[in-house]
Amino acid sequence: QVQLVESGGGLVQAGGSLRLSCAASGRTFSSYHMGWFRQAPGKEREFVAAISASGSTTDYGDSVKGRFTISRDNAKNTVYLQMSSLKPEDTAVHFCAAKATWTSPAAASAYSYWGQGTQVTVSS
């Protein structure tokens, strides 16, 4: 069992930056691949970014590529999402997720554990 808790969401103006954190329980955090997804009202859950267990491999959704950076600190059992050049269309609840294998990292259905989400609102 893995418990995930997101934090760092809030209000930010377009063009600004925000860093989200996802704290995971357990001493086996370093064995899990991690992902960030987001969901806006009336829309499907969208892949944002993923990072392999070791941190050696990352993947990003097309809509955030070049603007967002995913990273992790296994010593702190935490994964981060650094968001820059934020746009109003980035407004969504952002979820952290964990999985045991690096298979279909962009597919929400491949993840076994999910956090409760944190709201990111970008104003124009």
N, C-alpha and C. Protein backbone atom coordinates (compact mmCIF):
# COMPACT_ATOMS: atom_id res chain seq x y z
N GLN A 1 0.83 -1.19 0.00
CA GLN A 1 0.00 0.00 0.00
C GLN A 1 0.87 1.25 0.00
N VAL A 2 0.48 2.21 -0.82
CA VAL A 2 1.19 3.47 -0.93
C VAL A 2 0.19 4.60 -0.71
N GLN A 3 0.53 5.50 0.18
CA GLN A 3 -0.29 6.68 0.43
C GLN A 3 0.39 7.89 -0.21
N LEU A 4 -0.37 8.67 -0.96
CA LEU A 4 0.16 9.83 -1.66
C LEU A 4 -0.62 11.07 -1.26
N VAL A 5 0.10 12.14 -0.97
CA VAL A 5 -0.52 13.40 -0.58
C VAL A 5 0.10 14.54 -1.37
N GLU A 6 -0.71 15.21 -2.17
CA GLU A 6 -0.25 16.34 -2.96
C GLU A 6 -0.36 17.63 -2.16
N SER A 7 0.48 18.59 -2.51
CA SER A 7 0.42 19.91 -1.92
C SER A 7 1.05 20.91 -2.88
N GLY A 8 0.85 22.19 -2.61
CA GLY A 8 1.47 23.23 -3.40
C GLY A 8 0.57 23.91 -4.40
N GLY A 9 -0.65 23.44 -4.53
CA GLY A 9 -1.57 24.07 -5.46
C GLY A 9 -2.03 25.42 -4.95
N GLY A 10 -2.67 26.18 -5.83
CA GLY A 10 -3.15 27.48 -5.46
C GLY A 10 -3.43 28.35 -6.66
N LEU A 11 -3.58 29.63 -6.41
CA LEU A 11 -3.85 30.62 -7.46
C LEU A 11 -2.55 31.24 -7.95
N VAL A 12 -2.45 31.39 -9.26
CA VAL A 12 -1.28 32.03 -9.85
C VAL A 12 -1.72 32.73 -11.14
N GLN A 13 -1.06 33.84 -11.45
CA GLN A 13 -1.38 34.56 -12.68
C GLN A 13 -0.74 33.89 -13.88
N ALA A 14 -1.36 34.07 -15.03
CA ALA A 14 -0.80 33.54 -16.27
C ALA A 14 0.64 34.02 -16.44
N GLY A 15 1.50 33.10 -16.85
CA GLY A 15 2.91 33.41 -17.00
C GLY A 15 3.73 33.12 -15.76
N GLY A 16 3.06 32.85 -14.66
CA GLY A 16 3.74 32.59 -13.41
C GLY A 16 4.17 31.15 -13.26
N SER A 17 4.71 30.83 -12.09
CA SER A 17 5.23 29.50 -11.80
C SER A 17 4.66 28.97 -10.50
N LEU A 18 4.68 27.66 -10.38
CA LEU A 18 4.18 26.99 -9.19
C LEU A 18 4.86 25.63 -9.11
N ARG A 19 5.17 25.19 -7.90
CA ARG A 19 5.74 23.86 -7.72
C ARG A 19 4.83 23.01 -6.86
N LEU A 20 4.43 21.87 -7.40
CA LEU A 20 3.62 20.91 -6.68
C LEU A 20 4.52 19.84 -6.06
N SER A 21 4.10 19.34 -4.92
CA SER A 21 4.82 18.26 -4.26
C SER A 21 3.88 17.10 -4.01
N CYS A 22 4.41 15.90 -4.03
CA CYS A 22 3.66 14.70 -3.72
C CYS A 22 4.48 13.88 -2.75
N ALA A 23 4.01 13.78 -1.52
CA ALA A 23 4.70 13.02 -0.49
C ALA A 23 4.13 11.62 -0.42
N ALA A 24 5.01 10.63 -0.45
CA ALA A 24 4.61 9.23 -0.44
C ALA A 24 5.03 8.55 0.84
N SER A 25 4.22 7.62 1.28
CA SER A 25 4.54 6.83 2.46
C SER A 25 5.37 5.62 2.08
N GLY A 26 5.99 5.01 3.08
CA GLY A 26 6.70 3.76 2.86
C GLY A 26 8.16 3.92 2.49
N ARG A 27 8.94 2.92 2.81
CA ARG A 27 10.37 2.91 2.51
C ARG A 27 10.66 2.40 1.11
N THR A 28 9.64 1.97 0.38
CA THR A 28 9.81 1.45 -0.97
C THR A 28 9.49 2.47 -2.05
N PHE A 29 9.43 3.74 -1.69
CA PHE A 29 9.12 4.78 -2.65
C PHE A 29 10.05 4.73 -3.86
N SER A 30 11.31 4.45 -3.63
CA SER A 30 12.29 4.44 -4.70
C SER A 30 12.05 3.34 -5.72
N SER A 31 11.16 2.40 -5.43
CA SER A 31 10.83 1.32 -6.35
C SER A 31 9.67 1.67 -7.28
N TYR A 32 9.00 2.78 -7.03
CA TYR A 32 7.81 3.14 -7.79
C TYR A 32 8.10 4.21 -8.83
N HIS A 33 7.47 4.01 -9.98
CA HIS A 33 7.45 5.04 -11.01
C HIS A 33 6.29 5.99 -10.66
N MET A 34 6.49 7.27 -10.91
CA MET A 34 5.53 8.27 -10.48
C MET A 34 5.02 9.09 -11.65
N GLY A 35 3.79 9.52 -11.53
CA GLY A 35 3.21 10.34 -12.57
C GLY A 35 2.35 11.46 -12.01
N TRP A 36 2.17 12.48 -12.84
CA TRP A 36 1.24 13.57 -12.55
C TRP A 36 0.18 13.61 -13.63
N PHE A 37 -1.06 13.73 -13.21
CA PHE A 37 -2.19 13.87 -14.10
C PHE A 37 -3.02 15.06 -13.65
N ARG A 38 -3.85 15.57 -14.54
CA ARG A 38 -4.72 16.67 -14.17
C ARG A 38 -6.09 16.49 -14.80
N GLN A 39 -7.08 17.07 -14.16
CA GLN A 39 -8.44 16.97 -14.65
C GLN A 39 -9.18 18.27 -14.41
N ALA A 40 -9.66 18.86 -15.48
CA ALA A 40 -10.46 20.07 -15.42
C ALA A 40 -11.93 19.69 -15.46
N PRO A 41 -12.81 20.55 -14.96
CA PRO A 41 -14.24 20.25 -14.98
C PRO A 41 -14.74 19.93 -16.38
N GLY A 42 -15.46 18.82 -16.51
CA GLY A 42 -16.02 18.42 -17.79
C GLY A 42 -15.04 17.81 -18.76
N LYS A 43 -13.79 17.59 -18.34
CA LYS A 43 -12.79 17.03 -19.23
C LYS A 43 -12.23 15.72 -18.68
N GLU A 44 -11.64 14.94 -19.57
CA GLU A 44 -11.02 13.68 -19.18
C GLU A 44 -9.72 13.94 -18.43
N ARG A 45 -9.33 12.98 -17.62
CA ARG A 45 -8.06 13.08 -16.92
C ARG A 45 -6.93 13.07 -17.94
N GLU A 46 -6.02 14.01 -17.82
CA GLU A 46 -4.97 14.23 -18.80
C GLU A 46 -3.59 13.96 -18.22
N PHE A 47 -2.77 13.27 -18.98
CA PHE A 47 -1.39 13.00 -18.58
C PHE A 47 -0.57 14.27 -18.61
N VAL A 48 0.20 14.48 -17.55
CA VAL A 48 1.04 15.66 -17.46
C VAL A 48 2.52 15.29 -17.55
N ALA A 49 2.96 14.39 -16.68
CA ALA A 49 4.37 14.01 -16.64
C ALA A 49 4.55 12.72 -15.88
N ALA A 50 5.65 12.03 -16.15
CA ALA A 50 5.99 10.81 -15.42
C ALA A 50 7.49 10.74 -15.26
N ILE A 51 7.92 10.04 -14.22
CA ILE A 51 9.34 9.86 -13.95
C ILE A 51 9.57 8.44 -13.46
N SER A 52 10.63 7.81 -13.94
CA SER A 52 10.94 6.44 -13.56
C SER A 52 11.42 6.39 -12.11
N ALA A 53 11.47 5.18 -11.57
CA ALA A 53 11.82 5.01 -10.16
C ALA A 53 13.17 5.63 -9.81
N SER A 54 14.13 5.46 -10.67
CA SER A 54 15.46 6.00 -10.42
C SER A 54 15.59 7.47 -10.77
N GLY A 55 14.62 7.98 -11.52
CA GLY A 55 14.68 9.35 -11.98
C GLY A 55 15.42 9.52 -13.29
N SER A 56 15.86 8.42 -13.88
CA SER A 56 16.66 8.49 -15.09
C SER A 56 15.85 8.77 -16.35
N THR A 57 14.56 8.49 -16.31
CA THR A 57 13.71 8.67 -17.48
C THR A 57 12.49 9.52 -17.12
N THR A 58 12.16 10.46 -17.98
CA THR A 58 10.97 11.29 -17.80
C THR A 58 10.16 11.32 -19.07
N ASP A 59 8.89 11.63 -18.93
CA ASP A 59 8.00 11.75 -20.06
C ASP A 59 7.01 12.87 -19.77
N TYR A 60 6.61 13.60 -20.81
CA TYR A 60 5.71 14.73 -20.63
C TYR A 60 4.60 14.72 -21.65
N GLY A 61 3.45 15.23 -21.23
CA GLY A 61 2.37 15.43 -22.16
C GLY A 61 2.70 16.57 -23.11
N ASP A 62 2.18 16.48 -24.32
CA ASP A 62 2.50 17.48 -25.33
C ASP A 62 2.13 18.91 -24.89
N SER A 63 1.06 19.04 -24.14
CA SER A 63 0.59 20.35 -23.76
C SER A 63 1.48 21.06 -22.74
N VAL A 64 2.35 20.31 -22.06
CA VAL A 64 3.19 20.91 -21.03
C VAL A 64 4.68 20.81 -21.33
N LYS A 65 5.03 20.11 -22.39
CA LYS A 65 6.43 19.91 -22.74
C LYS A 65 7.13 21.25 -22.93
N GLY A 66 8.27 21.39 -22.27
CA GLY A 66 9.02 22.62 -22.35
C GLY A 66 8.67 23.63 -21.28
N ARG A 67 7.56 23.41 -20.59
CA ARG A 67 7.13 24.34 -19.54
C ARG A 67 7.20 23.72 -18.15
N PHE A 68 6.94 22.41 -18.06
CA PHE A 68 6.91 21.72 -16.78
C PHE A 68 8.11 20.80 -16.65
N THR A 69 8.54 20.58 -15.41
CA THR A 69 9.62 19.65 -15.13
C THR A 69 9.25 18.77 -13.95
N ILE A 70 9.33 17.46 -14.16
CA ILE A 70 9.09 16.52 -13.07
C ILE A 70 10.43 16.08 -12.50
N SER A 71 10.47 15.92 -11.19
CA SER A 71 11.68 15.47 -10.53
C SER A 71 11.30 14.70 -9.28
N ARG A 72 12.27 14.04 -8.68
CA ARG A 72 11.98 13.30 -7.45
C ARG A 72 13.20 13.31 -6.54
N ASP A 73 12.91 13.18 -5.27
CA ASP A 73 13.94 13.07 -4.25
C ASP A 73 13.60 11.83 -3.45
N ASN A 74 14.24 10.72 -3.79
CA ASN A 74 13.90 9.46 -3.15
C ASN A 74 14.24 9.45 -1.66
N ALA A 75 15.22 10.24 -1.26
CA ALA A 75 15.56 10.33 0.15
C ALA A 75 14.45 10.98 0.95
N LYS A 76 13.64 11.81 0.30
CA LYS A 76 12.53 12.49 0.95
C LYS A 76 11.18 11.89 0.60
N ASN A 77 11.18 10.81 -0.17
CA ASN A 77 9.93 10.16 -0.59
C ASN A 77 8.97 11.16 -1.24
N THR A 78 9.52 12.00 -2.10
CA THR A 78 8.73 13.07 -2.69
C THR A 78 9.00 13.23 -4.17
N VAL A 79 7.94 13.46 -4.93
CA VAL A 79 8.05 13.79 -6.34
C VAL A 79 7.52 15.21 -6.52
N TYR A 80 8.12 15.95 -7.44
CA TYR A 80 7.77 17.34 -7.65
C TYR A 80 7.33 17.58 -9.09
N LEU A 81 6.54 18.62 -9.26
CA LEU A 81 6.20 19.10 -10.58
C LEU A 81 6.40 20.60 -10.59
N GLN A 82 7.46 21.04 -11.25
CA GLN A 82 7.74 22.46 -11.39
C GLN A 82 7.03 22.96 -12.63
N MET A 83 6.12 23.88 -12.45
CA MET A 83 5.32 24.41 -13.54
C MET A 83 5.69 25.86 -13.78
N SER A 84 6.01 26.19 -15.01
CA SER A 84 6.35 27.55 -15.38
C SER A 84 5.55 27.96 -16.61
N SER A 85 5.58 29.26 -16.90
CA SER A 85 4.83 29.80 -18.03
C SER A 85 3.40 29.30 -18.03
N LEU A 86 2.77 29.37 -16.87
CA LEU A 86 1.43 28.82 -16.71
C LEU A 86 0.40 29.57 -17.54
N LYS A 87 -0.56 28.81 -18.03
CA LYS A 87 -1.63 29.33 -18.86
C LYS A 87 -2.97 29.04 -18.20
N PRO A 88 -4.00 29.83 -18.50
CA PRO A 88 -5.32 29.55 -17.93
C PRO A 88 -5.80 28.12 -18.20
N GLU A 89 -5.43 27.55 -19.33
CA GLU A 89 -5.84 26.19 -19.65
C GLU A 89 -5.14 25.13 -18.80
N ASP A 90 -4.18 25.53 -17.98
CA ASP A 90 -3.56 24.62 -17.03
C ASP A 90 -4.41 24.45 -15.77
N THR A 91 -5.45 25.24 -15.65
CA THR A 91 -6.32 25.17 -14.48
C THR A 91 -6.97 23.80 -14.39
N ALA A 92 -6.74 23.12 -13.28
CA ALA A 92 -7.26 21.76 -13.09
C ALA A 92 -6.88 21.26 -11.71
N VAL A 93 -7.53 20.18 -11.31
CA VAL A 93 -7.07 19.44 -10.14
C VAL A 93 -5.92 18.55 -10.60
N HIS A 94 -4.80 18.62 -9.91
CA HIS A 94 -3.63 17.84 -10.26
C HIS A 94 -3.46 16.68 -9.30
N PHE A 95 -3.27 15.49 -9.86
CA PHE A 95 -3.15 14.26 -9.09
C PHE A 95 -1.78 13.64 -9.24
N CYS A 96 -1.28 13.11 -8.16
CA CYS A 96 -0.06 12.33 -8.14
C CYS A 96 -0.44 10.85 -8.16
N ALA A 97 0.34 10.03 -8.87
CA ALA A 97 0.04 8.61 -8.97
C ALA A 97 1.32 7.79 -8.96
N ALA A 98 1.20 6.53 -8.55
CA ALA A 98 2.35 5.63 -8.46
C ALA A 98 2.05 4.28 -9.10
N LYS A 99 3.08 3.67 -9.68
CA LYS A 99 2.95 2.36 -10.29
C LYS A 99 4.25 1.59 -10.15
N ALA A 100 4.16 0.27 -10.26
CA ALA A 100 5.32 -0.59 -10.02
C ALA A 100 6.18 -0.83 -11.25
N THR A 101 5.63 -0.66 -12.44
CA THR A 101 6.37 -0.93 -13.67
C THR A 101 6.31 0.26 -14.62
N TRP A 102 7.37 0.42 -15.42
CA TRP A 102 7.42 1.49 -16.41
C TRP A 102 6.74 1.01 -17.69
N THR A 103 5.44 0.88 -17.61
CA THR A 103 4.61 0.45 -18.72
C THR A 103 3.50 1.47 -18.92
N SER A 104 3.36 1.96 -20.11
CA SER A 104 2.34 2.96 -20.44
C SER A 104 2.30 4.08 -19.40
N PRO A 105 3.41 4.79 -19.22
CA PRO A 105 3.45 5.82 -18.18
C PRO A 105 2.45 6.95 -18.36
N ALA A 106 1.95 7.13 -19.59
CA ALA A 106 1.00 8.20 -19.85
C ALA A 106 -0.46 7.78 -19.65
N ALA A 107 -0.69 6.52 -19.34
CA ALA A 107 -2.04 6.00 -19.18
C ALA A 107 -2.44 5.97 -17.71
N ALA A 108 -3.48 6.71 -17.37
CA ALA A 108 -3.94 6.76 -15.99
C ALA A 108 -4.32 5.38 -15.47
N SER A 109 -4.86 4.53 -16.35
CA SER A 109 -5.31 3.21 -15.93
C SER A 109 -4.17 2.31 -15.50
N ALA A 110 -2.93 2.66 -15.83
CA ALA A 110 -1.78 1.85 -15.48
C ALA A 110 -1.29 2.09 -14.06
N TYR A 111 -1.79 3.11 -13.41
CA TYR A 111 -1.33 3.47 -12.07
C TYR A 111 -2.21 2.85 -11.00
N SER A 112 -1.58 2.37 -9.95
CA SER A 112 -2.29 1.66 -8.89
C SER A 112 -2.69 2.54 -7.72
N TYR A 113 -1.93 3.60 -7.48
CA TYR A 113 -2.15 4.45 -6.32
C TYR A 113 -2.29 5.90 -6.73
N TRP A 114 -3.20 6.60 -6.05
CA TRP A 114 -3.50 7.98 -6.38
C TRP A 114 -3.63 8.83 -5.13
N GLY A 115 -3.21 10.08 -5.25
CA GLY A 115 -3.43 11.04 -4.19
C GLY A 115 -4.80 11.66 -4.31
N GLN A 116 -5.10 12.58 -3.41
CA GLN A 116 -6.42 13.20 -3.37
C GLN A 116 -6.57 14.38 -4.32
N GLY A 117 -5.45 14.89 -4.82
CA GLY A 117 -5.47 15.99 -5.76
C GLY A 117 -5.25 17.33 -5.10
N THR A 118 -4.69 18.26 -5.86
CA THR A 118 -4.52 19.64 -5.41
C THR A 118 -4.90 20.57 -6.55
N GLN A 119 -5.65 21.61 -6.21
CA GLN A 119 -6.18 22.51 -7.23
C GLN A 119 -5.15 23.54 -7.67
N VAL A 120 -5.01 23.67 -8.97
CA VAL A 120 -4.19 24.72 -9.57
C VAL A 120 -5.11 25.60 -10.39
N THR A 121 -5.13 26.88 -10.09
CA THR A 121 -5.95 27.82 -10.83
C THR A 121 -5.06 28.93 -11.39
N VAL A 122 -5.12 29.11 -12.70
CA VAL A 122 -4.32 30.12 -13.38
C VAL A 122 -5.26 31.19 -13.90
N SER A 123 -5.07 32.40 -13.42
CA SER A 123 -5.92 33.51 -13.81
C SER A 123 -5.30 34.28 -14.97
N SER A 124 -6.15 34.91 -15.75
CA SER A 124 -5.70 35.72 -16.88
C SER A 124 -5.73 37.20 -16.56
